[in-house]
């Protein structure tokens, strides 16, 4: 079994792919300043197996790399970010830090 998560910009979503079959996705809209996550869906047969978490973690890491921030409209992404404080800085609604050394 080979699991991957990929950005499919032509479909405006990140996709969880297992052995060539898309079994989950996190839909988004991208602007010049942020990525708005609108909906996340995972095949019911995979629920409770951490697929949604893998999908969101990959997507947020990718957004971080691009230098953008996130507006989590999707309840799953919103809740996931609330439970993973290491991604709080990506939330568009949070003020940017001005702390320097």
PDB file of N, CA and C in Angstrom:
ATOM      1  N   UNK A   1       0.828  -1.173   0.000  1.00  0.00           N
ATOM      2  CA  UNK A   1       0.000   0.000   0.000  1.00  0.00           C
ATOM      3  C   UNK A   1       0.881   1.248   0.000  1.00  0.00           C
ATOM      4  N   UNK A   2       0.646   2.147  -0.942  1.00  0.00           N
ATOM      5  CA  UNK A   2       1.402   3.379  -1.019  1.00  0.00           C
ATOM      6  C   UNK A   2       0.462   4.561  -0.817  1.00  0.00           C
ATOM      7  N   UNK A   3       0.700   5.318   0.260  1.00  0.00           N
ATOM      8  CA  UNK A   3      -0.086   6.512   0.560  1.00  0.00           C
ATOM      9  C   UNK A   3       0.735   7.742   0.244  1.00  0.00           C
ATOM     10  N   UNK A   4       0.109   8.702  -0.425  1.00  0.00           N
ATOM     11  CA  UNK A   4       0.745   9.990  -0.672  1.00  0.00           C
ATOM     12  C   UNK A   4      -0.298  11.086  -0.536  1.00  0.00           C
ATOM     13  N   UNK A   5       0.180  12.279  -0.268  1.00  0.00           N
ATOM     14  CA  UNK A   5      -0.669  13.468  -0.293  1.00  0.00           C
ATOM     15  C   UNK A   5      -0.034  14.409  -1.297  1.00  0.00           C
ATOM     16  N   UNK A   6      -0.861  14.936  -2.196  1.00  0.00           N
ATOM     17  CA  UNK A   6      -0.370  15.814  -3.243  1.00  0.00           C
ATOM     18  C   UNK A   6      -1.263  17.043  -3.352  1.00  0.00           C
ATOM     19  N   UNK A   7      -0.675  18.123  -3.836  1.00  0.00           N
ATOM     20  CA  UNK A   7      -1.463  19.306  -4.174  1.00  0.00           C
ATOM     21  C   UNK A   7      -1.949  19.118  -5.601  1.00  0.00           C
ATOM     22  N   UNK A   8      -3.238  19.266  -5.812  1.00  0.00           N
ATOM     23  CA  UNK A   8      -3.840  19.191  -7.151  1.00  0.00           C
ATOM     24  C   UNK A   8      -4.432  20.570  -7.455  1.00  0.00           C
ATOM     25  N   UNK A   9      -3.583  21.542  -7.804  1.00  0.00           N
ATOM     26  CA  UNK A   9      -4.059  22.917  -7.963  1.00  0.00           C
ATOM     27  C   UNK A   9      -5.129  23.085  -9.043  1.00  0.00           C
ATOM     28  N   UNK A  10      -5.122  22.230 -10.038  1.00  0.00           N
ATOM     29  CA  UNK A  10      -6.140  22.322 -11.086  1.00  0.00           C
ATOM     30  C   UNK A  10      -7.532  21.975 -10.553  1.00  0.00           C
ATOM     31  N   UNK A  11      -7.578  21.251  -9.423  1.00  0.00           N
ATOM     32  CA  UNK A  11      -8.854  20.909  -8.771  1.00  0.00           C
ATOM     33  C   UNK A  11      -9.039  21.691  -7.469  1.00  0.00           C
ATOM     34  N   UNK A  12      -8.078  22.569  -7.155  1.00  0.00           N
ATOM     35  CA  UNK A  12      -8.128  23.403  -5.946  1.00  0.00           C
ATOM     36  C   UNK A  12      -8.268  22.559  -4.684  1.00  0.00           C
ATOM     37  N   UNK A  13      -7.396  21.560  -4.575  1.00  0.00           N
ATOM     38  CA  UNK A  13      -7.453  20.728  -3.384  1.00  0.00           C
ATOM     39  C   UNK A  13      -6.171  19.915  -3.213  1.00  0.00           C
ATOM     40  N   UNK A  14      -5.932  19.548  -1.969  1.00  0.00           N
ATOM     41  CA  UNK A  14      -4.903  18.573  -1.638  1.00  0.00           C
ATOM     42  C   UNK A  14      -5.605  17.229  -1.605  1.00  0.00           C
ATOM     43  N   UNK A  15      -4.925  16.201  -2.105  1.00  0.00           N
ATOM     44  CA  UNK A  15      -5.554  14.891  -2.202  1.00  0.00           C
ATOM     45  C   UNK A  15      -4.734  13.827  -1.488  1.00  0.00           C
ATOM     46  N   UNK A  16      -5.428  12.953  -0.770  1.00  0.00           N
ATOM     47  CA  UNK A  16      -4.827  11.763  -0.186  1.00  0.00           C
ATOM     48  C   UNK A  16      -5.034  10.645  -1.201  1.00  0.00           C
ATOM     49  N   UNK A  17      -3.924  10.064  -1.653  1.00  0.00           N
ATOM     50  CA  UNK A  17      -3.971   9.044  -2.704  1.00  0.00           C
ATOM     51  C   UNK A  17      -3.367   7.749  -2.164  1.00  0.00           C
ATOM     52  N   UNK A  18      -4.111   6.670  -2.320  1.00  0.00           N
ATOM     53  CA  UNK A  18      -3.616   5.341  -1.929  1.00  0.00           C
ATOM     54  C   UNK A  18      -3.633   4.458  -3.168  1.00  0.00           C
ATOM     55  N   UNK A  19      -2.464   3.983  -3.545  1.00  0.00           N
ATOM     56  CA  UNK A  19      -2.327   3.103  -4.708  1.00  0.00           C
ATOM     57  C   UNK A  19      -3.027   3.673  -5.944  1.00  0.00           C
ATOM     58  N   UNK A  20      -2.857   4.983  -6.159  1.00  0.00           N
ATOM     59  CA  UNK A  20      -3.402   5.637  -7.352  1.00  0.00           C
ATOM     60  C   UNK A  20      -4.846   6.085  -7.254  1.00  0.00           C
ATOM     61  N   UNK A  21      -5.514   5.791  -6.142  1.00  0.00           N
ATOM     62  CA  UNK A  21      -6.927   6.162  -5.985  1.00  0.00           C
ATOM     63  C   UNK A  21      -7.064   7.290  -4.965  1.00  0.00           C
ATOM     64  N   UNK A  22      -7.771   8.355  -5.339  1.00  0.00           N
ATOM     65  CA  UNK A  22      -8.013   9.471  -4.427  1.00  0.00           C
ATOM     66  C   UNK A  22      -9.071   9.043  -3.415  1.00  0.00           C
ATOM     67  N   UNK A  23      -8.671   9.055  -2.130  1.00  0.00           N
ATOM     68  CA  UNK A  23      -9.571   8.617  -1.072  1.00  0.00           C
ATOM     69  C   UNK A  23      -9.881   9.719  -0.057  1.00  0.00           C
ATOM     70  N   UNK A  24      -9.383  10.891  -0.316  1.00  0.00           N
ATOM     71  CA  UNK A  24      -9.672  12.021   0.557  1.00  0.00           C
ATOM     72  C   UNK A  24      -9.148  13.294  -0.058  1.00  0.00           C
ATOM     73  N   UNK A  25      -9.713  14.422   0.375  1.00  0.00           N
ATOM     74  CA  UNK A  25      -9.236  15.706  -0.140  1.00  0.00           C
ATOM     75  C   UNK A  25      -9.540  16.829   0.837  1.00  0.00           C
ATOM     76  N   UNK A  26      -8.770  17.886   0.722  1.00  0.00           N
ATOM     77  CA  UNK A  26      -9.006  19.133   1.451  1.00  0.00           C
ATOM     78  C   UNK A  26      -9.089  20.226   0.388  1.00  0.00           C
ATOM     79  N   UNK A  27     -10.299  20.727   0.171  1.00  0.00           N
ATOM     80  CA  UNK A  27     -10.536  21.738  -0.857  1.00  0.00           C
ATOM     81  C   UNK A  27     -10.106  23.117  -0.351  1.00  0.00           C
ATOM     82  N   UNK A  28      -9.615  23.936  -1.275  1.00  0.00           N
ATOM     83  CA  UNK A  28      -9.153  25.272  -0.900  1.00  0.00           C
ATOM     84  C   UNK A  28      -9.363  26.271  -2.030  1.00  0.00           C
ATOM     85  N   UNK A  29      -9.313  27.530  -1.634  1.00  0.00           N
ATOM     86  CA  UNK A  29      -9.235  28.647  -2.573  1.00  0.00           C
ATOM     87  C   UNK A  29      -7.986  29.426  -2.185  1.00  0.00           C
ATOM     88  N   UNK A  30      -7.169  29.742  -3.163  1.00  0.00           N
ATOM     89  CA  UNK A  30      -5.905  30.435  -2.903  1.00  0.00           C
ATOM     90  C   UNK A  30      -5.997  31.875  -3.394  1.00  0.00           C
ATOM     91  N   UNK A  31      -5.545  32.807  -2.561  1.00  0.00           N
ATOM     92  CA  UNK A  31      -5.426  34.203  -2.969  1.00  0.00           C
ATOM     93  C   UNK A  31      -3.942  34.563  -2.919  1.00  0.00           C
ATOM     94  N   UNK A  32      -3.633  35.800  -3.173  1.00  0.00           N
ATOM     95  CA  UNK A  32      -2.227  36.208  -3.126  1.00  0.00           C
ATOM     96  C   UNK A  32      -1.698  36.289  -1.693  1.00  0.00           C
ATOM     97  N   UNK A  33      -2.599  36.259  -0.687  1.00  0.00           N
ATOM     98  CA  UNK A  33      -2.162  36.380   0.701  1.00  0.00           C
ATOM     99  C   UNK A  33      -2.461  35.159   1.564  1.00  0.00           C
ATOM    100  N   UNK A  34      -3.416  34.335   1.147  1.00  0.00           N
ATOM    101  CA  UNK A  34      -3.802  33.241   2.025  1.00  0.00           C
ATOM    102  C   UNK A  34      -4.448  32.095   1.262  1.00  0.00           C
ATOM    103  N   UNK A  35      -4.593  30.987   1.982  1.00  0.00           N
ATOM    104  CA  UNK A  35      -5.279  29.805   1.470  1.00  0.00           C
ATOM    105  C   UNK A  35      -6.489  29.581   2.375  1.00  0.00           C
ATOM    106  N   UNK A  36      -7.673  29.548   1.773  1.00  0.00           N
ATOM    107  CA  UNK A  36      -8.911  29.332   2.512  1.00  0.00           C
ATOM    108  C   UNK A  36      -9.302  27.864   2.342  1.00  0.00           C
ATOM    109  N   UNK A  37      -9.281  27.118   3.438  1.00  0.00           N
ATOM    110  CA  UNK A  37      -9.713  25.713   3.388  1.00  0.00           C
ATOM    111  C   UNK A  37     -11.217  25.672   3.613  1.00  0.00           C
ATOM    112  N   UNK A  38     -11.934  25.123   2.628  1.00  0.00           N
ATOM    113  CA  UNK A  38     -13.388  25.176   2.635  1.00  0.00           C
ATOM    114  C   UNK A  38     -14.067  23.854   2.987  1.00  0.00           C
ATOM    115  N   UNK A  39     -13.426  22.741   2.708  1.00  0.00           N
ATOM    116  CA  UNK A  39     -14.081  21.447   2.930  1.00  0.00           C
ATOM    117  C   UNK A  39     -13.032  20.335   2.915  1.00  0.00           C
ATOM    118  N   UNK A  40     -13.180  19.397   3.838  1.00  0.00           N
ATOM    119  CA  UNK A  40     -12.320  18.219   3.867  1.00  0.00           C
ATOM    120  C   UNK A  40     -13.209  16.987   3.890  1.00  0.00           C
ATOM    121  N   UNK A  41     -12.808  15.993   3.114  1.00  0.00           N
ATOM    122  CA  UNK A  41     -13.597  14.771   3.021  1.00  0.00           C
ATOM    123  C   UNK A  41     -12.655  13.579   2.912  1.00  0.00           C
ATOM    124  N   UNK A  42     -12.986  12.508   3.636  1.00  0.00           N
ATOM    125  CA  UNK A  42     -12.214  11.271   3.596  1.00  0.00           C
ATOM    126  C   UNK A  42     -13.192  10.129   3.360  1.00  0.00           C
ATOM    127  N   UNK A  43     -12.776   9.166   2.547  1.00  0.00           N
ATOM    128  CA  UNK A  43     -13.609   7.994   2.291  1.00  0.00           C
ATOM    129  C   UNK A  43     -14.041   7.380   3.627  1.00  0.00           C
ATOM    130  N   UNK A  44     -15.336   7.098   3.785  1.00  0.00           N
ATOM    131  CA  UNK A  44     -15.832   6.567   5.054  1.00  0.00           C
ATOM    132  C   UNK A  44     -15.100   5.309   5.539  1.00  0.00           C
ATOM    133  N   UNK A  45     -14.602   4.504   4.633  1.00  0.00           N
ATOM    134  CA  UNK A  45     -13.895   3.286   5.038  1.00  0.00           C
ATOM    135  C   UNK A  45     -12.578   3.583   5.744  1.00  0.00           C
ATOM    136  N   UNK A  46     -12.081   4.820   5.640  1.00  0.00           N
ATOM    137  CA  UNK A  46     -10.806   5.199   6.248  1.00  0.00           C
ATOM    138  C   UNK A  46     -10.962   6.082   7.476  1.00  0.00           C
ATOM    139  N   UNK A  47     -12.187   6.429   7.832  1.00  0.00           N
ATOM    140  CA  UNK A  47     -12.401   7.307   8.977  1.00  0.00           C
ATOM    141  C   UNK A  47     -11.820   6.687  10.246  1.00  0.00           C
ATOM    142  N   UNK A  48     -11.202   7.533  11.063  1.00  0.00           N
ATOM    143  CA  UNK A  48     -10.604   7.080  12.311  1.00  0.00           C
ATOM    144  C   UNK A  48      -9.212   6.504  12.167  1.00  0.00           C
ATOM    145  N   UNK A  49      -8.647   6.557  10.960  1.00  0.00           N
ATOM    146  CA  UNK A  49      -7.313   5.995  10.720  1.00  0.00           C
ATOM    147  C   UNK A  49      -6.235   7.071  10.558  1.00  0.00           C
ATOM    148  N   UNK A  50      -6.572   8.323  10.847  1.00  0.00           N
ATOM    149  CA  UNK A  50      -5.593   9.397  10.779  1.00  0.00           C
ATOM    150  C   UNK A  50      -5.366   9.967   9.391  1.00  0.00           C
ATOM    151  N   UNK A  51      -6.192   9.584   8.433  1.00  0.00           N
ATOM    152  CA  UNK A  51      -6.016  10.069   7.059  1.00  0.00           C
ATOM    153  C   UNK A  51      -6.257  11.573   6.984  1.00  0.00           C
ATOM    154  N   UNK A  52      -7.304  12.056   7.658  1.00  0.00           N
ATOM    155  CA  UNK A  52      -7.585  13.490   7.660  1.00  0.00           C
ATOM    156  C   UNK A  52      -6.425  14.274   8.245  1.00  0.00           C
ATOM    157  N   UNK A  53      -5.835  13.759   9.302  1.00  0.00           N
ATOM    158  CA  UNK A  53      -4.681  14.429   9.920  1.00  0.00           C
ATOM    159  C   UNK A  53      -3.484  14.468   8.982  1.00  0.00           C
ATOM    160  N   UNK A  54      -3.215  13.361   8.309  1.00  0.00           N
ATOM    161  CA  UNK A  54      -2.100  13.338   7.345  1.00  0.00           C
ATOM    162  C   UNK A  54      -2.330  14.359   6.243  1.00  0.00           C
ATOM    163  N   UNK A  55      -3.543  14.419   5.773  1.00  0.00           N
ATOM    164  CA  UNK A  55      -3.918  15.333   4.702  1.00  0.00           C
ATOM    165  C   UNK A  55      -3.734  16.786   5.131  1.00  0.00           C
ATOM    166  N   UNK A  56      -4.268  17.135   6.292  1.00  0.00           N
ATOM    167  CA  UNK A  56      -4.187  18.516   6.761  1.00  0.00           C
ATOM    168  C   UNK A  56      -2.751  18.891   7.120  1.00  0.00           C
ATOM    169  N   UNK A  57      -2.024  17.994   7.758  1.00  0.00           N
ATOM    170  CA  UNK A  57      -0.626  18.305   8.111  1.00  0.00           C
ATOM    171  C   UNK A  57       0.192  18.604   6.845  1.00  0.00           C
ATOM    172  N   UNK A  58       0.043  17.766   5.818  1.00  0.00           N
ATOM    173  CA  UNK A  58       0.767  17.997   4.569  1.00  0.00           C
ATOM    174  C   UNK A  58       0.370  19.345   3.965  1.00  0.00           C
ATOM    175  N   UNK A  59      -0.939  19.601   3.914  1.00  0.00           N
ATOM    176  CA  UNK A  59      -1.433  20.843   3.312  1.00  0.00           C
ATOM    177  C   UNK A  59      -0.898  22.064   4.051  1.00  0.00           C
ATOM    178  N   UNK A  60      -0.947  22.044   5.381  1.00  0.00           N
ATOM    179  CA  UNK A  60      -0.471  23.191   6.152  1.00  0.00           C
ATOM    180  C   UNK A  60       1.033  23.360   6.034  1.00  0.00           C
ATOM    181  N   UNK A  61       1.772  22.269   6.009  1.00  0.00           N
ATOM    182  CA  UNK A  61       3.221  22.367   5.802  1.00  0.00           C
ATOM    183  C   UNK A  61       3.523  22.978   4.435  1.00  0.00           C
ATOM    184  N   UNK A  62       2.743  22.594   3.434  1.00  0.00           N
ATOM    185  CA  UNK A  62       2.931  23.144   2.096  1.00  0.00           C
ATOM    186  C   UNK A  62       2.610  24.635   2.064  1.00  0.00           C
ATOM    187  N   UNK A  63       1.537  25.024   2.731  1.00  0.00           N
ATOM    188  CA  UNK A  63       1.185  26.451   2.802  1.00  0.00           C
ATOM    189  C   UNK A  63       2.286  27.218   3.519  1.00  0.00           C
ATOM    190  N   UNK A  64       2.799  26.671   4.602  1.00  0.00           N
ATOM    191  CA  UNK A  64       3.891  27.334   5.336  1.00  0.00           C
ATOM    192  C   UNK A  64       5.090  27.563   4.414  1.00  0.00           C
ATOM    193  N   UNK A  65       5.431  26.558   3.629  1.00  0.00           N
ATOM    194  CA  UNK A  65       6.564  26.671   2.707  1.00  0.00           C
ATOM    195  C   UNK A  65       6.351  27.789   1.693  1.00  0.00           C
ATOM    196  N   UNK A  66       5.114  28.005   1.300  1.00  0.00           N
ATOM    197  CA  UNK A  66       4.810  29.042   0.299  1.00  0.00           C
ATOM    198  C   UNK A  66       4.796  30.442   0.901  1.00  0.00           C
ATOM    199  N   UNK A  67       4.838  30.532   2.228  1.00  0.00           N
ATOM    200  CA  UNK A  67       4.853  31.837   2.880  1.00  0.00           C
ATOM    201  C   UNK A  67       3.472  32.459   3.047  1.00  0.00           C
ATOM    202  N   UNK A  68       2.423  31.689   2.801  1.00  0.00           N
ATOM    203  CA  UNK A  68       1.060  32.203   2.939  1.00  0.00           C
ATOM    204  C   UNK A  68       0.504  31.842   4.306  1.00  0.00           C
ATOM    205  N   UNK A  69      -0.691  32.349   4.594  1.00  0.00           N
ATOM    206  CA  UNK A  69      -1.386  32.016   5.833  1.00  0.00           C
ATOM    207  C   UNK A  69      -2.683  31.307   5.486  1.00  0.00           C
ATOM    208  N   UNK A  70      -3.401  30.849   6.502  1.00  0.00           N
ATOM    209  CA  UNK A  70      -4.572  29.991   6.314  1.00  0.00           C
ATOM    210  C   UNK A  70      -5.806  30.611   6.967  1.00  0.00           C
ATOM    211  N   UNK A  71      -6.931  30.498   6.269  1.00  0.00           N
ATOM    212  CA  UNK A  71      -8.228  30.804   6.859  1.00  0.00           C
ATOM    213  C   UNK A  71      -9.016  29.501   6.846  1.00  0.00           C
ATOM    214  N   UNK A  72      -9.143  28.844   8.019  1.00  0.00           N
ATOM    215  CA  UNK A  72      -9.783  27.527   8.063  1.00  0.00           C
ATOM    216  C   UNK A  72     -11.307  27.620   8.213  1.00  0.00           C
ATOM    217  N   UNK A  73     -12.005  27.738   7.107  1.00  0.00           N
ATOM    218  CA  UNK A  73     -13.473  27.741   7.109  1.00  0.00           C
ATOM    219  C   UNK A  73     -13.996  26.326   7.375  1.00  0.00           C
ATOM    220  N   UNK A  74     -13.309  25.335   6.843  1.00  0.00           N
ATOM    221  CA  UNK A  74     -13.682  23.930   7.046  1.00  0.00           C
ATOM    222  C   UNK A  74     -13.603  23.591   8.540  1.00  0.00           C
ATOM    223  N   UNK A  75     -14.683  23.053   9.113  1.00  0.00           N
ATOM    224  CA  UNK A  75     -14.659  22.722  10.544  1.00  0.00           C
ATOM    225  C   UNK A  75     -13.554  21.737  10.928  1.00  0.00           C
ATOM    226  N   UNK A  76     -13.257  20.776  10.061  1.00  0.00           N
ATOM    227  CA  UNK A  76     -12.208  19.806  10.381  1.00  0.00           C
ATOM    228  C   UNK A  76     -10.843  20.496  10.457  1.00  0.00           C
ATOM    229  N   UNK A  77     -10.516  21.313   9.469  1.00  0.00           N
ATOM    230  CA  UNK A  77      -9.222  22.014   9.471  1.00  0.00           C
ATOM    231  C   UNK A  77      -9.152  22.976  10.654  1.00  0.00           C
ATOM    232  N   UNK A  78     -10.234  23.678  10.908  1.00  0.00           N
ATOM    233  CA  UNK A  78     -10.274  24.608  12.040  1.00  0.00           C
ATOM    234  C   UNK A  78      -9.994  23.876  13.356  1.00  0.00           C
ATOM    235  N   UNK A  79     -10.689  22.773  13.590  1.00  0.00           N
ATOM    236  CA  UNK A  79     -10.516  21.991  14.818  1.00  0.00           C
ATOM    237  C   UNK A  79      -9.102  21.394  14.895  1.00  0.00           C
ATOM    238  N   UNK A  80      -8.605  20.910  13.754  1.00  0.00           N
ATOM    239  CA  UNK A  80      -7.275  20.305  13.729  1.00  0.00           C
ATOM    240  C   UNK A  80      -6.227  21.343  14.112  1.00  0.00           C
ATOM    241  N   UNK A  81      -6.339  22.531  13.543  1.00  0.00           N
ATOM    242  CA  UNK A  81      -5.381  23.596  13.877  1.00  0.00           C
ATOM    243  C   UNK A  81      -5.476  23.987  15.351  1.00  0.00           C
ATOM    244  N   UNK A  82      -6.690  24.012  15.896  1.00  0.00           N
ATOM    245  CA  UNK A  82      -6.871  24.355  17.307  1.00  0.00           C
ATOM    246  C   UNK A  82      -6.207  23.320  18.209  1.00  0.00           C
ATOM    247  N   UNK A  83      -6.125  22.080  17.757  1.00  0.00           N
ATOM    248  CA  UNK A  83      -5.511  21.005  18.542  1.00  0.00           C
ATOM    249  C   UNK A  83      -4.021  20.845  18.294  1.00  0.00           C
ATOM    250  N   UNK A  84      -3.466  21.592  17.358  1.00  0.00           N
ATOM    251  CA  UNK A  84      -2.042  21.496  17.029  1.00  0.00           C
ATOM    252  C   UNK A  84      -1.450  22.904  17.033  1.00  0.00           C
ATOM    253  N   UNK A  85      -1.066  23.341  18.211  1.00  0.00           N
ATOM    254  CA  UNK A  85      -0.614  24.716  18.407  1.00  0.00           C
ATOM    255  C   UNK A  85       0.602  25.090  17.551  1.00  0.00           C
ATOM    256  N   UNK A  86       1.334  24.090  17.084  1.00  0.00           N
ATOM    257  CA  UNK A  86       2.505  24.398  16.247  1.00  0.00           C
ATOM    258  C   UNK A  86       2.103  24.995  14.894  1.00  0.00           C
ATOM    259  N   UNK A  87       0.811  24.988  14.584  1.00  0.00           N
ATOM    260  CA  UNK A  87       0.316  25.582  13.342  1.00  0.00           C
ATOM    261  C   UNK A  87      -0.466  26.872  13.580  1.00  0.00           C
ATOM    262  N   UNK A  88      -0.531  27.338  14.827  1.00  0.00           N
ATOM    263  CA  UNK A  88      -1.306  28.538  15.160  1.00  0.00           C
ATOM    264  C   UNK A  88      -0.823  29.771  14.394  1.00  0.00           C
ATOM    265  N   UNK A  89       0.470  29.842  14.125  1.00  0.00           N
ATOM    266  CA  UNK A  89       1.001  31.006  13.430  1.00  0.00           C
ATOM    267  C   UNK A  89       0.495  31.125  11.991  1.00  0.00           C
ATOM    268  N   UNK A  90      -0.043  30.048  11.445  1.00  0.00           N
ATOM    269  CA  UNK A  90      -0.559  30.087  10.073  1.00  0.00           C
ATOM    270  C   UNK A  90      -1.959  30.679   9.984  1.00  0.00           C
ATOM    271  N   UNK A  91      -2.668  30.738  11.108  1.00  0.00           N
ATOM    272  CA  UNK A  91      -4.054  31.217  11.100  1.00  0.00           C
ATOM    273  C   UNK A  91      -4.084  32.698  10.746  1.00  0.00           C
ATOM    274  N   UNK A  92      -4.753  33.007   9.667  1.00  0.00           N
ATOM    275  CA  UNK A  92      -4.843  34.376   9.152  1.00  0.00           C
ATOM    276  C   UNK A  92      -5.456  35.327  10.180  1.00  0.00           C
ATOM    277  N   UNK A  93      -6.308  34.806  11.036  1.00  0.00           N
ATOM    278  CA  UNK A  93      -7.002  35.652  12.017  1.00  0.00           C
ATOM    279  C   UNK A  93      -6.130  36.007  13.206  1.00  0.00           C
ATOM    280  N   UNK A  94      -5.006  35.314  13.369  1.00  0.00           N
ATOM    281  CA  UNK A  94      -4.092  35.591  14.473  1.00  0.00           C
ATOM    282  C   UNK A  94      -3.144  36.710  14.076  1.00  0.00           C
ATOM    283  N   UNK A  95      -2.880  37.627  14.986  1.00  0.00           N
ATOM    284  CA  UNK A  95      -1.925  38.684  14.655  1.00  0.00           C
ATOM    285  C   UNK A  95      -0.532  38.125  14.435  1.00  0.00           C
ATOM    286  N   UNK A  96       0.178  38.687  13.486  1.00  0.00           N
ATOM    287  CA  UNK A  96       1.550  38.271  13.226  1.00  0.00           C
ATOM    288  C   UNK A  96       2.440  38.703  14.391  1.00  0.00           C
ATOM    289  N   UNK A  97       3.425  37.892  14.703  1.00  0.00           N
ATOM    290  CA  UNK A  97       4.340  38.199  15.772  1.00  0.00           C
ATOM    291  C   UNK A  97       5.349  39.247  15.334  1.00  0.00           C
ATOM    292  N   UNK A  98       5.645  40.178  16.235  1.00  0.00           N
ATOM    293  CA  UNK A  98       6.670  41.196  15.987  1.00  0.00           C
ATOM    294  C   UNK A  98       7.899  40.970  16.858  1.00  0.00           C
ATOM    295  N   UNK A  99       7.993  39.797  17.459  1.00  0.00           N
ATOM    296  CA  UNK A  99       9.088  39.479  18.375  1.00  0.00           C
ATOM    297  C   UNK A  99      10.373  39.284  17.588  1.00  0.00           C
ATOM    298  N   UNK A 100      11.443  39.882  18.079  1.00  0.00           N
ATOM    299  CA  UNK A 100      12.767  39.701  17.484  1.00  0.00           C
ATOM    300  C   UNK A 100      13.754  39.384  18.609  1.00  0.00           C
ATOM    301  N   UNK A 101      14.875  38.817  18.234  1.00  0.00           N
ATOM    302  CA  UNK A 101      15.924  38.518  19.228  1.00  0.00           C
ATOM    303  C   UNK A 101      16.732  39.736  19.508  1.00  0.00           C
TER     304      UNK A 101
END
